[in-house]
Amino acid sequence: MTKIPLVDDTAPEILQCTTCLLPMQYQTIKGGKFLWQCFKCAKQYLISKNMDDDMEESWSPPR
């Protein structure tokens, strides 16, 4: 019988950008959600305070 490993669904210690694979940095709380941003490509994540809610991904406006 082959053992199947369990899925590790714990929250990561570092939030990485899905485009650049660099660590994202926490900015502020916006609309009741935590705003994280990648400073290389300007991708933003809005993550709800409640871990059961969805996560929104967007790009910041050009400078």
PDB file of N, CA and C in Angstrom:
ATOM      1  N   MET A   1       0.843  -1.170   0.000  1.00  0.00           N
ATOM      2  CA  MET A   1       0.000   0.000   0.000  1.00  0.00           C
ATOM      3  C   MET A   1       0.893   1.240   0.000  1.00  0.00           C
ATOM      4  N   THR A   2       0.541   2.214  -0.825  1.00  0.00           N
ATOM      5  CA  THR A   2       1.311   3.451  -0.938  1.00  0.00           C
ATOM      6  C   THR A   2       0.698   4.519  -0.051  1.00  0.00           C
ATOM      7  N   LYS A   3       1.557   5.212   0.722  1.00  0.00           N
ATOM      8  CA  LYS A   3       1.060   6.287   1.568  1.00  0.00           C
ATOM      9  C   LYS A   3       0.973   7.567   0.756  1.00  0.00           C
ATOM     10  N   ILE A   4      -0.130   8.278   0.913  1.00  0.00           N
ATOM     11  CA  ILE A   4      -0.327   9.556   0.244  1.00  0.00           C
ATOM     12  C   ILE A   4      -0.043  10.654   1.272  1.00  0.00           C
ATOM     13  N   PRO A   5       0.853  11.588   0.951  1.00  0.00           N
ATOM     14  CA  PRO A   5       1.165  12.645   1.921  1.00  0.00           C
ATOM     15  C   PRO A   5      -0.023  13.593   2.123  1.00  0.00           C
ATOM     16  N   LEU A   6      -0.149  14.127   3.324  1.00  0.00           N
ATOM     17  CA  LEU A   6      -1.208  15.067   3.633  1.00  0.00           C
ATOM     18  C   LEU A   6      -0.891  16.426   3.023  1.00  0.00           C
ATOM     19  N   VAL A   7      -1.924  17.150   2.689  1.00  0.00           N
ATOM     20  CA  VAL A   7      -1.761  18.491   2.121  1.00  0.00           C
ATOM     21  C   VAL A   7      -1.496  19.466   3.262  1.00  0.00           C
ATOM     22  N   ASP A   8      -0.470  20.292   3.097  1.00  0.00           N
ATOM     23  CA  ASP A   8      -0.152  21.302   4.099  1.00  0.00           C
ATOM     24  C   ASP A   8      -0.873  22.584   3.717  1.00  0.00           C
ATOM     25  N   ASP A   9      -2.014  22.856   4.368  1.00  0.00           N
ATOM     26  CA  ASP A   9      -2.792  24.040   4.025  1.00  0.00           C
ATOM     27  C   ASP A   9      -2.661  25.148   5.065  1.00  0.00           C
ATOM     28  N   THR A  10      -1.572  25.152   5.804  1.00  0.00           N
ATOM     29  CA  THR A  10      -1.339  26.223   6.767  1.00  0.00           C
ATOM     30  C   THR A  10      -0.955  27.499   6.018  1.00  0.00           C
ATOM     31  N   ALA A  11      -1.197  28.629   6.648  1.00  0.00           N
ATOM     32  CA  ALA A  11      -0.873  29.915   6.024  1.00  0.00           C
ATOM     33  C   ALA A  11       0.639  30.047   5.873  1.00  0.00           C
ATOM     34  N   PRO A  12       1.104  30.525   4.728  1.00  0.00           N
ATOM     35  CA  PRO A  12       2.543  30.666   4.529  1.00  0.00           C
ATOM     36  C   PRO A  12       3.106  31.800   5.384  1.00  0.00           C
ATOM     37  N   GLU A  13       4.376  31.690   5.745  1.00  0.00           N
ATOM     38  CA  GLU A  13       5.021  32.743   6.520  1.00  0.00           C
ATOM     39  C   GLU A  13       5.336  33.943   5.636  1.00  0.00           C
ATOM     40  N   ILE A  14       5.581  33.699   4.337  1.00  0.00           N
ATOM     41  CA  ILE A  14       5.904  34.752   3.387  1.00  0.00           C
ATOM     42  C   ILE A  14       4.905  34.681   2.243  1.00  0.00           C
ATOM     43  N   LEU A  15       4.341  35.821   1.888  1.00  0.00           N
ATOM     44  CA  LEU A  15       3.440  35.886   0.743  1.00  0.00           C
ATOM     45  C   LEU A  15       4.262  36.269  -0.475  1.00  0.00           C
ATOM     46  N   GLN A  16       4.303  35.389  -1.481  1.00  0.00           N
ATOM     47  CA  GLN A  16       5.117  35.641  -2.663  1.00  0.00           C
ATOM     48  C   GLN A  16       4.239  36.063  -3.834  1.00  0.00           C
ATOM     49  N   CYS A  17       4.760  36.967  -4.659  1.00  0.00           N
ATOM     50  CA  CYS A  17       4.086  37.410  -5.870  1.00  0.00           C
ATOM     51  C   CYS A  17       4.032  36.238  -6.848  1.00  0.00           C
ATOM     52  N   THR A  18       2.887  36.046  -7.483  1.00  0.00           N
ATOM     53  CA  THR A  18       2.749  34.942  -8.438  1.00  0.00           C
ATOM     54  C   THR A  18       3.405  35.260  -9.769  1.00  0.00           C
ATOM     55  N   THR A  19       3.751  36.523 -10.012  1.00  0.00           N
ATOM     56  CA  THR A  19       4.403  36.922 -11.253  1.00  0.00           C
ATOM     57  C   THR A  19       5.919  36.923 -11.108  1.00  0.00           C
ATOM     58  N   CYS A  20       6.420  37.621 -10.086  1.00  0.00           N
ATOM     59  CA  CYS A  20       7.872  37.802  -9.913  1.00  0.00           C
ATOM     60  C   CYS A  20       8.509  36.776  -8.981  1.00  0.00           C
ATOM     61  N   LEU A  21       7.695  36.113  -8.183  1.00  0.00           N
ATOM     62  CA  LEU A  21       8.156  35.171  -7.164  1.00  0.00           C
ATOM     63  C   LEU A  21       9.014  35.850  -6.093  1.00  0.00           C
ATOM     64  N   LEU A  22       8.811  37.148  -5.908  1.00  0.00           N
ATOM     65  CA  LEU A  22       9.489  37.893  -4.854  1.00  0.00           C
ATOM     66  C   LEU A  22       8.543  38.054  -3.675  1.00  0.00           C
ATOM     67  N   PRO A  23       9.079  38.236  -2.468  1.00  0.00           N
ATOM     68  CA  PRO A  23       8.200  38.455  -1.311  1.00  0.00           C
ATOM     69  C   PRO A  23       7.414  39.759  -1.459  1.00  0.00           C
ATOM     70  N   MET A  24       6.137  39.689  -1.122  1.00  0.00           N
ATOM     71  CA  MET A  24       5.295  40.884  -1.163  1.00  0.00           C
ATOM     72  C   MET A  24       5.372  41.575   0.193  1.00  0.00           C
ATOM     73  N   GLN A  25       5.059  42.874   0.226  1.00  0.00           N
ATOM     74  CA  GLN A  25       5.145  43.637   1.457  1.00  0.00           C
ATOM     75  C   GLN A  25       3.773  44.148   1.855  1.00  0.00           C
ATOM     76  N   TYR A  26       3.499  44.073   3.170  1.00  0.00           N
ATOM     77  CA  TYR A  26       2.227  44.547   3.716  1.00  0.00           C
ATOM     78  C   TYR A  26       2.186  46.066   3.660  1.00  0.00           C
ATOM     79  N   GLN A  27       1.071  46.646   3.201  1.00  0.00           N
ATOM     80  CA  GLN A  27       0.942  48.093   3.077  1.00  0.00           C
ATOM     81  C   GLN A  27       0.022  48.686   4.136  1.00  0.00           C
ATOM     82  N   THR A  28      -1.256  48.327   4.099  1.00  0.00           N
ATOM     83  CA  THR A  28      -2.250  48.933   4.977  1.00  0.00           C
ATOM     84  C   THR A  28      -3.524  48.091   4.961  1.00  0.00           C
ATOM     85  N   ILE A  29      -4.534  48.538   5.678  1.00  0.00           N
ATOM     86  CA  ILE A  29      -5.860  47.906   5.615  1.00  0.00           C
ATOM     87  C   ILE A  29      -6.737  48.794   4.748  1.00  0.00           C
ATOM     88  N   LYS A  30      -7.349  48.205   3.733  1.00  0.00           N
ATOM     89  CA  LYS A  30      -8.168  48.947   2.778  1.00  0.00           C
ATOM     90  C   LYS A  30      -9.514  48.239   2.649  1.00  0.00           C
ATOM     91  N   GLY A  31     -10.587  48.899   3.074  1.00  0.00           N
ATOM     92  CA  GLY A  31     -11.921  48.306   2.979  1.00  0.00           C
ATOM     93  C   GLY A  31     -12.072  47.064   3.831  1.00  0.00           C
ATOM     94  N   GLY A  32     -11.411  47.019   4.982  1.00  0.00           N
ATOM     95  CA  GLY A  32     -11.505  45.861   5.871  1.00  0.00           C
ATOM     96  C   GLY A  32     -10.664  44.676   5.435  1.00  0.00           C
ATOM     97  N   LYS A  33      -9.766  44.891   4.463  1.00  0.00           N
ATOM     98  CA  LYS A  33      -8.898  43.822   3.985  1.00  0.00           C
ATOM     99  C   LYS A  33      -7.451  44.276   4.042  1.00  0.00           C
ATOM    100  N   PHE A  34      -6.552  43.334   4.246  1.00  0.00           N
ATOM    101  CA  PHE A  34      -5.128  43.632   4.267  1.00  0.00           C
ATOM    102  C   PHE A  34      -4.620  43.800   2.845  1.00  0.00           C
ATOM    103  N   LEU A  35      -3.900  44.884   2.573  1.00  0.00           N
ATOM    104  CA  LEU A  35      -3.350  45.153   1.252  1.00  0.00           C
ATOM    105  C   LEU A  35      -1.869  44.784   1.239  1.00  0.00           C
ATOM    106  N   TRP A  36      -1.502  43.842   0.360  1.00  0.00           N
ATOM    107  CA  TRP A  36      -0.109  43.432   0.150  1.00  0.00           C
ATOM    108  C   TRP A  36       0.256  43.827  -1.272  1.00  0.00           C
ATOM    109  N   GLN A  37       1.501  44.267  -1.495  1.00  0.00           N
ATOM    110  CA  GLN A  37       1.909  44.714  -2.825  1.00  0.00           C
ATOM    111  C   GLN A  37       3.322  44.263  -3.149  1.00  0.00           C
ATOM    112  N   CYS A  38       3.530  43.900  -4.425  1.00  0.00           N
ATOM    113  CA  CYS A  38       4.856  43.592  -4.947  1.00  0.00           C
ATOM    114  C   CYS A  38       5.428  44.887  -5.504  1.00  0.00           C
ATOM    115  N   PHE A  39       6.627  45.268  -5.080  1.00  0.00           N
ATOM    116  CA  PHE A  39       7.199  46.528  -5.531  1.00  0.00           C
ATOM    117  C   PHE A  39       7.896  46.420  -6.882  1.00  0.00           C
ATOM    118  N   LYS A  40       8.072  45.217  -7.382  1.00  0.00           N
ATOM    119  CA  LYS A  40       8.683  45.077  -8.703  1.00  0.00           C
ATOM    120  C   LYS A  40       7.639  45.224  -9.807  1.00  0.00           C
ATOM    121  N   CYS A  41       6.544  44.469  -9.719  1.00  0.00           N
ATOM    122  CA  CYS A  41       5.547  44.497 -10.798  1.00  0.00           C
ATOM    123  C   CYS A  41       4.258  45.220 -10.404  1.00  0.00           C
ATOM    124  N   ALA A  42       4.140  45.661  -9.155  1.00  0.00           N
ATOM    125  CA  ALA A  42       2.988  46.415  -8.637  1.00  0.00           C
ATOM    126  C   ALA A  42       1.710  45.588  -8.506  1.00  0.00           C
ATOM    127  N   LYS A  43       1.814  44.263  -8.495  1.00  0.00           N
ATOM    128  CA  LYS A  43       0.638  43.431  -8.272  1.00  0.00           C
ATOM    129  C   LYS A  43       0.194  43.598  -6.821  1.00  0.00           C
ATOM    130  N   GLN A  44      -1.127  43.627  -6.594  1.00  0.00           N
ATOM    131  CA  GLN A  44      -1.665  43.808  -5.257  1.00  0.00           C
ATOM    132  C   GLN A  44      -2.567  42.639  -4.894  1.00  0.00           C
ATOM    133  N   TYR A  45      -2.559  42.279  -3.621  1.00  0.00           N
ATOM    134  CA  TYR A  45      -3.486  41.290  -3.073  1.00  0.00           C
ATOM    135  C   TYR A  45      -4.257  41.948  -1.954  1.00  0.00           C
ATOM    136  N   LEU A  46      -5.581  41.796  -1.962  1.00  0.00           N
ATOM    137  CA  LEU A  46      -6.428  42.205  -0.858  1.00  0.00           C
ATOM    138  C   LEU A  46      -6.891  40.932  -0.179  1.00  0.00           C
ATOM    139  N   ILE A  47      -6.479  40.751   1.066  1.00  0.00           N
ATOM    140  CA  ILE A  47      -6.774  39.525   1.789  1.00  0.00           C
ATOM    141  C   ILE A  47      -7.661  39.860   2.975  1.00  0.00           C
ATOM    142  N   SER A  48      -8.786  39.189   3.079  1.00  0.00           N
ATOM    143  CA  SER A  48      -9.749  39.439   4.136  1.00  0.00           C
ATOM    144  C   SER A  48      -9.168  39.077   5.498  1.00  0.00           C
ATOM    145  N   LYS A  49      -9.651  39.770   6.527  1.00  0.00           N
ATOM    146  CA  LYS A  49      -9.225  39.459   7.898  1.00  0.00           C
ATOM    147  C   LYS A  49      -9.687  38.062   8.292  1.00  0.00           C
ATOM    148  N   ASN A  50     -10.823  37.633   7.730  1.00  0.00           N
ATOM    149  CA  ASN A  50     -11.349  36.302   7.986  1.00  0.00           C
ATOM    150  C   ASN A  50     -10.740  35.342   6.971  1.00  0.00           C
ATOM    151  N   MET A  51      -9.999  34.356   7.425  1.00  0.00           N
ATOM    152  CA  MET A  51      -9.277  33.449   6.529  1.00  0.00           C
ATOM    153  C   MET A  51     -10.208  32.627   5.616  1.00  0.00           C
ATOM    154  N   ASP A  52     -11.522  32.571   5.937  1.00  0.00           N
ATOM    155  CA  ASP A  52     -12.443  31.789   5.122  1.00  0.00           C
ATOM    156  C   ASP A  52     -12.908  32.540   3.880  1.00  0.00           C
ATOM    157  N   ASP A  53     -12.716  33.859   3.844  1.00  0.00           N
ATOM    158  CA  ASP A  53     -13.162  34.666   2.703  1.00  0.00           C
ATOM    159  C   ASP A  53     -12.167  34.584   1.555  1.00  0.00           C
ATOM    160  N   ASP A  54     -12.574  35.125   0.426  1.00  0.00           N
ATOM    161  CA  ASP A  54     -11.744  35.090  -0.781  1.00  0.00           C
ATOM    162  C   ASP A  54     -10.612  36.110  -0.730  1.00  0.00           C
ATOM    163  N   MET A  55      -9.678  35.917  -1.650  1.00  0.00           N
ATOM    164  CA  MET A  55      -8.559  36.831  -1.824  1.00  0.00           C
ATOM    165  C   MET A  55      -8.709  37.473  -3.189  1.00  0.00           C
ATOM    166  N   GLU A  56      -8.516  38.797  -3.267  1.00  0.00           N
ATOM    167  CA  GLU A  56      -8.618  39.520  -4.535  1.00  0.00           C
ATOM    168  C   GLU A  56      -7.221  39.862  -5.030  1.00  0.00           C
ATOM    169  N   GLU A  57      -7.020  39.701  -6.341  1.00  0.00           N
ATOM    170  CA  GLU A  57      -5.731  40.010  -6.959  1.00  0.00           C
ATOM    171  C   GLU A  57      -5.958  41.121  -7.970  1.00  0.00           C
ATOM    172  N   SER A  58      -5.102  42.153  -7.942  1.00  0.00           N
ATOM    173  CA  SER A  58      -5.242  43.251  -8.896  1.00  0.00           C
ATOM    174  C   SER A  58      -3.883  43.886  -9.144  1.00  0.00           C
ATOM    175  N   TRP A  59      -3.862  44.801 -10.099  1.00  0.00           N
ATOM    176  CA  TRP A  59      -2.650  45.553 -10.410  1.00  0.00           C
ATOM    177  C   TRP A  59      -2.866  46.991  -9.964  1.00  0.00           C
ATOM    178  N   SER A  60      -1.847  47.619  -9.425  1.00  0.00           N
ATOM    179  CA  SER A  60      -1.981  49.013  -9.029  1.00  0.00           C
ATOM    180  C   SER A  60      -1.949  49.878 -10.280  1.00  0.00           C
ATOM    181  N   PRO A  61      -2.534  51.091 -10.200  1.00  0.00           N
ATOM    182  CA  PRO A  61      -2.503  51.973 -11.381  1.00  0.00           C
ATOM    183  C   PRO A  61      -1.078  52.404 -11.714  1.00  0.00           C
ATOM    184  N   PRO A  62      -0.800  52.675 -12.990  1.00  0.00           N
ATOM    185  CA  PRO A  62       0.550  53.085 -13.367  1.00  0.00           C
ATOM    186  C   PRO A  62       0.925  54.413 -12.734  1.00  0.00           C
ATOM    187  N   ARG A  63       2.207  54.571 -12.467  1.00  0.00           N
ATOM    188  CA  ARG A  63       2.678  55.811 -11.828  1.00  0.00           C
ATOM    189  C   ARG A  63       2.998  56.850 -12.852  1.00  0.00           C
TER     190      ARG A  63
END
